[in-house]
Each structure stands twice: as structure tokens, then as C-alpha cells.
Amino acid sequence: MKLLAAPFVLLLAIVVGLLKLIVGLSTFVLGLLAALLLLLAFPMLFSLSVAGGLVLIVLAFLISPIGIALVVGGLLACLQGLYTSLRRFLLS
């Protein structure tokens, strides 16, 4: 069983490492974009269109680190837990 699990551990190590890098970089970039959208939403909310301002606020929330990135981080944590479990199985 351990011989069959070894390639999966290696693959999961590579995938988890790459996904951590991608999530970290995208969280930074999307956080900056969320701040920009929020700055654009307030003048629109009070002058041009209330609905347009609310849409921008919702979009800023979704792309912020509190929105979708939090869900992706949770999924990544589950994947890392699977990697840790398989690695412990190999080392036992």
C-alpha cells in the first residue's frame, strides 16, 4: 500500500505548494482590486447610481480576502490535510 501511496504524496506536495503560491499571490492582487472597487463604489453610491454602487460593493466583498478567497483557502487546507495524512501513513 505504501508503494502505491508514494506517488500521490509527491504529487500532492507539488500541487499544494503551487496552489499555496497561486492563492497567496491572487489574494494580494484581488485585495488591491477590492480596495479600488470599494473606493470607486462610494462616489457612485452617493452621486450616480445607488444600484451600481451596491453592485461594486458586493463585487469588492466577493473578491476580497474575506469572500471567495476564504473558501478557496479552506479547500486548500483540506487538500493539505490529505497530504499530511498520506505522508504520515508513508512514514509509519
N, C-alpha and C. Protein backbone atom coordinates (compact mmCIF):
# COMPACT_ATOMS: atom_id res chain seq x y z
N MET A 1 0.82 -1.19 0.00
CA MET A 1 0.00 0.00 0.00
C MET A 1 0.87 1.26 0.00
N LYS A 2 1.98 1.19 0.73
CA LYS A 2 2.83 2.36 0.82
C LYS A 2 3.47 2.69 -0.52
N LEU A 3 3.77 1.67 -1.30
CA LEU A 3 4.34 1.92 -2.62
C LEU A 3 3.34 2.60 -3.55
N LEU A 4 2.08 2.28 -3.38
CA LEU A 4 1.05 2.92 -4.20
C LEU A 4 0.78 4.35 -3.74
N ALA A 5 0.96 4.63 -2.46
CA ALA A 5 0.68 5.96 -1.93
C ALA A 5 1.82 6.95 -2.18
N ALA A 6 3.03 6.47 -2.39
CA ALA A 6 4.19 7.35 -2.54
C ALA A 6 4.06 8.34 -3.71
N PRO A 7 3.64 7.91 -4.91
CA PRO A 7 3.50 8.90 -5.99
C PRO A 7 2.43 9.95 -5.69
N PHE A 8 1.37 9.57 -4.98
CA PHE A 8 0.33 10.52 -4.64
C PHE A 8 0.83 11.56 -3.65
N VAL A 9 1.69 11.13 -2.73
CA VAL A 9 2.27 12.07 -1.77
C VAL A 9 3.14 13.09 -2.49
N LEU A 10 3.94 12.62 -3.42
CA LEU A 10 4.79 13.53 -4.19
C LEU A 10 3.95 14.49 -5.02
N LEU A 11 2.93 13.97 -5.67
CA LEU A 11 2.04 14.80 -6.48
C LEU A 11 1.31 15.83 -5.62
N LEU A 12 0.81 15.40 -4.47
CA LEU A 12 0.11 16.33 -3.57
C LEU A 12 1.05 17.39 -3.02
N ALA A 13 2.30 17.03 -2.76
CA ALA A 13 3.27 18.01 -2.27
C ALA A 13 3.48 19.11 -3.30
N ILE A 14 3.62 18.72 -4.55
CA ILE A 14 3.83 19.69 -5.62
C ILE A 14 2.57 20.54 -5.83
N VAL A 15 1.41 19.90 -5.87
CA VAL A 15 0.16 20.62 -6.11
C VAL A 15 -0.14 21.59 -4.97
N VAL A 16 0.02 21.14 -3.73
CA VAL A 16 -0.25 22.02 -2.59
C VAL A 16 0.70 23.21 -2.58
N GLY A 17 1.96 22.98 -2.87
CA GLY A 17 2.93 24.08 -2.93
C GLY A 17 2.57 25.11 -3.99
N LEU A 18 2.24 24.63 -5.18
CA LEU A 18 1.86 25.55 -6.25
C LEU A 18 0.56 26.29 -5.94
N LEU A 19 -0.40 25.58 -5.38
CA LEU A 19 -1.67 26.23 -5.05
C LEU A 19 -1.51 27.26 -3.94
N LYS A 20 -0.64 27.00 -2.98
CA LYS A 20 -0.38 28.00 -1.93
C LYS A 20 0.21 29.26 -2.54
N LEU A 21 1.12 29.10 -3.46
CA LEU A 21 1.72 30.25 -4.14
C LEU A 21 0.67 31.03 -4.92
N ILE A 22 -0.13 30.32 -5.68
CA ILE A 22 -1.15 30.97 -6.50
C ILE A 22 -2.18 31.68 -5.63
N VAL A 23 -2.64 31.02 -4.56
CA VAL A 23 -3.64 31.63 -3.67
C VAL A 23 -3.05 32.84 -2.98
N GLY A 24 -1.80 32.77 -2.55
CA GLY A 24 -1.16 33.91 -1.90
C GLY A 24 -1.05 35.11 -2.82
N LEU A 25 -0.59 34.88 -4.03
CA LEU A 25 -0.46 35.97 -4.99
C LEU A 25 -1.81 36.54 -5.41
N SER A 26 -2.76 35.65 -5.66
CA SER A 26 -4.07 36.13 -6.10
C SER A 26 -4.80 36.86 -4.98
N THR A 27 -4.61 36.44 -3.73
CA THR A 27 -5.22 37.14 -2.60
C THR A 27 -4.68 38.56 -2.51
N PHE A 28 -3.39 38.72 -2.72
CA PHE A 28 -2.79 40.05 -2.69
C PHE A 28 -3.34 40.93 -3.81
N VAL A 29 -3.32 40.41 -5.02
CA VAL A 29 -3.78 41.19 -6.17
C VAL A 29 -5.28 41.49 -6.07
N LEU A 30 -6.06 40.48 -5.70
CA LEU A 30 -7.50 40.71 -5.59
C LEU A 30 -7.85 41.60 -4.41
N GLY A 31 -7.04 41.59 -3.37
CA GLY A 31 -7.24 42.53 -2.27
C GLY A 31 -7.05 43.96 -2.71
N LEU A 32 -6.02 44.20 -3.52
CA LEU A 32 -5.81 45.55 -4.07
C LEU A 32 -6.96 45.95 -4.99
N LEU A 33 -7.42 45.02 -5.81
CA LEU A 33 -8.53 45.31 -6.71
C LEU A 33 -9.82 45.57 -5.93
N ALA A 34 -10.03 44.83 -4.84
CA ALA A 34 -11.22 45.03 -4.00
C ALA A 34 -11.19 46.43 -3.36
N ALA A 35 -10.02 46.85 -2.91
CA ALA A 35 -9.90 48.19 -2.34
C ALA A 35 -10.20 49.27 -3.38
N LEU A 36 -9.72 49.05 -4.60
CA LEU A 36 -10.00 50.00 -5.68
C LEU A 36 -11.49 50.04 -6.01
N LEU A 37 -12.13 48.88 -6.08
CA LEU A 37 -13.57 48.85 -6.34
C LEU A 37 -14.35 49.53 -5.22
N LEU A 38 -13.91 49.34 -4.00
CA LEU A 38 -14.60 49.97 -2.88
C LEU A 38 -14.44 51.49 -2.93
N LEU A 39 -13.26 51.95 -3.32
CA LEU A 39 -13.06 53.39 -3.46
C LEU A 39 -13.90 53.98 -4.59
N LEU A 40 -14.12 53.20 -5.63
CA LEU A 40 -14.97 53.66 -6.74
C LEU A 40 -16.45 53.55 -6.41
N ALA A 41 -16.80 52.66 -5.50
CA ALA A 41 -18.21 52.41 -5.19
C ALA A 41 -18.83 53.56 -4.40
N PHE A 42 -18.09 54.15 -3.49
CA PHE A 42 -18.69 55.18 -2.65
C PHE A 42 -19.10 56.44 -3.42
N PRO A 43 -18.28 56.98 -4.30
CA PRO A 43 -18.77 58.13 -5.07
C PRO A 43 -19.96 57.76 -5.97
N MET A 44 -19.93 56.55 -6.52
CA MET A 44 -21.04 56.12 -7.37
C MET A 44 -22.31 55.94 -6.54
N LEU A 45 -22.15 55.44 -5.34
CA LEU A 45 -23.29 55.19 -4.45
C LEU A 45 -24.00 56.49 -4.10
N PHE A 46 -23.25 57.55 -3.88
CA PHE A 46 -23.85 58.80 -3.43
C PHE A 46 -24.16 59.78 -4.54
N SER A 47 -23.65 59.57 -5.75
CA SER A 47 -23.89 60.56 -6.79
C SER A 47 -24.60 59.99 -8.02
N LEU A 48 -24.10 58.92 -8.57
CA LEU A 48 -24.63 58.45 -9.85
C LEU A 48 -25.78 57.46 -9.69
N SER A 49 -25.48 56.30 -9.15
CA SER A 49 -26.48 55.24 -9.10
C SER A 49 -26.30 54.42 -7.83
N VAL A 50 -27.36 54.34 -7.05
CA VAL A 50 -27.29 53.54 -5.82
C VAL A 50 -27.10 52.07 -6.16
N ALA A 51 -27.82 51.58 -7.16
CA ALA A 51 -27.71 50.16 -7.54
C ALA A 51 -26.31 49.84 -8.05
N GLY A 52 -25.73 50.72 -8.84
CA GLY A 52 -24.37 50.50 -9.34
C GLY A 52 -23.35 50.50 -8.21
N GLY A 53 -23.53 51.40 -7.24
CA GLY A 53 -22.64 51.43 -6.09
C GLY A 53 -22.74 50.17 -5.25
N LEU A 54 -23.97 49.68 -5.06
CA LEU A 54 -24.16 48.45 -4.30
C LEU A 54 -23.55 47.25 -5.01
N VAL A 55 -23.67 47.22 -6.32
CA VAL A 55 -23.07 46.13 -7.10
C VAL A 55 -21.56 46.13 -6.94
N LEU A 56 -20.95 47.31 -6.99
CA LEU A 56 -19.50 47.40 -6.81
C LEU A 56 -19.08 46.98 -5.40
N ILE A 57 -19.88 47.33 -4.41
CA ILE A 57 -19.56 46.92 -3.04
C ILE A 57 -19.64 45.40 -2.90
N VAL A 58 -20.66 44.79 -3.49
CA VAL A 58 -20.78 43.33 -3.43
C VAL A 58 -19.62 42.66 -4.17
N LEU A 59 -19.26 43.18 -5.33
CA LEU A 59 -18.11 42.62 -6.06
C LEU A 59 -16.82 42.77 -5.26
N ALA A 60 -16.64 43.91 -4.62
CA ALA A 60 -15.45 44.12 -3.80
C ALA A 60 -15.41 43.11 -2.66
N PHE A 61 -16.57 42.82 -2.06
CA PHE A 61 -16.61 41.82 -0.99
C PHE A 61 -16.25 40.43 -1.51
N LEU A 62 -16.80 40.07 -2.66
CA LEU A 62 -16.56 38.72 -3.19
C LEU A 62 -15.10 38.48 -3.54
N ILE A 63 -14.41 39.49 -4.08
CA ILE A 63 -13.02 39.27 -4.48
C ILE A 63 -12.04 39.61 -3.37
N SER A 64 -12.54 40.11 -2.25
CA SER A 64 -11.66 40.43 -1.13
C SER A 64 -11.21 39.13 -0.46
N PRO A 65 -10.20 39.22 0.43
CA PRO A 65 -9.76 38.01 1.14
C PRO A 65 -10.83 37.41 2.05
N ILE A 66 -11.90 38.14 2.31
CA ILE A 66 -12.98 37.62 3.16
C ILE A 66 -13.97 36.81 2.32
N GLY A 67 -14.05 37.05 1.03
CA GLY A 67 -15.06 36.41 0.18
C GLY A 67 -14.62 35.05 -0.34
N ILE A 68 -14.50 34.97 -1.64
CA ILE A 68 -14.20 33.71 -2.31
C ILE A 68 -12.82 33.16 -1.92
N ALA A 69 -11.87 34.03 -1.66
CA ALA A 69 -10.53 33.57 -1.29
C ALA A 69 -10.54 32.79 0.01
N LEU A 70 -11.46 33.11 0.92
CA LEU A 70 -11.58 32.36 2.16
C LEU A 70 -12.05 30.94 1.90
N VAL A 71 -12.97 30.78 0.98
CA VAL A 71 -13.46 29.44 0.61
C VAL A 71 -12.34 28.63 -0.04
N VAL A 72 -11.61 29.26 -0.94
CA VAL A 72 -10.50 28.58 -1.61
C VAL A 72 -9.42 28.19 -0.60
N GLY A 73 -9.16 29.07 0.36
CA GLY A 73 -8.19 28.75 1.40
C GLY A 73 -8.63 27.55 2.23
N GLY A 74 -9.92 27.44 2.51
CA GLY A 74 -10.44 26.29 3.24
C GLY A 74 -10.28 25.00 2.46
N LEU A 75 -10.55 25.06 1.16
CA LEU A 75 -10.37 23.88 0.31
C LEU A 75 -8.90 23.49 0.22
N LEU A 76 -8.03 24.48 0.17
CA LEU A 76 -6.60 24.21 0.15
C LEU A 76 -6.15 23.58 1.47
N ALA A 77 -6.72 24.02 2.57
CA ALA A 77 -6.39 23.42 3.87
C ALA A 77 -6.82 21.96 3.92
N CYS A 78 -7.96 21.63 3.33
CA CYS A 78 -8.40 20.23 3.27
C CYS A 78 -7.44 19.40 2.43
N LEU A 79 -7.00 19.94 1.32
CA LEU A 79 -6.06 19.24 0.46
C LEU A 79 -4.73 19.04 1.17
N GLN A 80 -4.29 20.04 1.93
CA GLN A 80 -3.05 19.90 2.68
C GLN A 80 -3.22 18.88 3.81
N GLY A 81 -4.40 18.80 4.40
CA GLY A 81 -4.65 17.77 5.40
C GLY A 81 -4.55 16.37 4.82
N LEU A 82 -5.06 16.19 3.60
CA LEU A 82 -4.94 14.90 2.91
C LEU A 82 -3.48 14.57 2.65
N TYR A 83 -2.71 15.56 2.24
CA TYR A 83 -1.28 15.36 2.00
C TYR A 83 -0.57 14.95 3.30
N THR A 84 -0.89 15.63 4.39
CA THR A 84 -0.26 15.31 5.67
C THR A 84 -0.62 13.90 6.13
N SER A 85 -1.88 13.53 5.94
CA SER A 85 -2.30 12.18 6.33
C SER A 85 -1.58 11.11 5.53
N LEU A 86 -1.48 11.31 4.22
CA LEU A 86 -0.77 10.33 3.39
C LEU A 86 0.70 10.27 3.73
N ARG A 87 1.31 11.41 4.02
CA ARG A 87 2.73 11.42 4.36
C ARG A 87 2.96 10.69 5.68
N ARG A 88 2.09 10.91 6.66
CA ARG A 88 2.21 10.19 7.93
C ARG A 88 2.02 8.68 7.73
N PHE A 89 1.13 8.31 6.82
CA PHE A 89 0.95 6.89 6.52
C PHE A 89 2.22 6.29 5.95
N LEU A 90 2.88 7.04 5.08
CA LEU A 90 4.13 6.53 4.50
C LEU A 90 5.24 6.42 5.53
N LEU A 91 5.28 7.35 6.46
CA LEU A 91 6.36 7.35 7.44
C LEU A 91 6.11 6.41 8.62
N SER A 92 4.90 5.88 8.72
CA SER A 92 4.61 4.98 9.87
C SER A 92 5.09 3.56 9.61
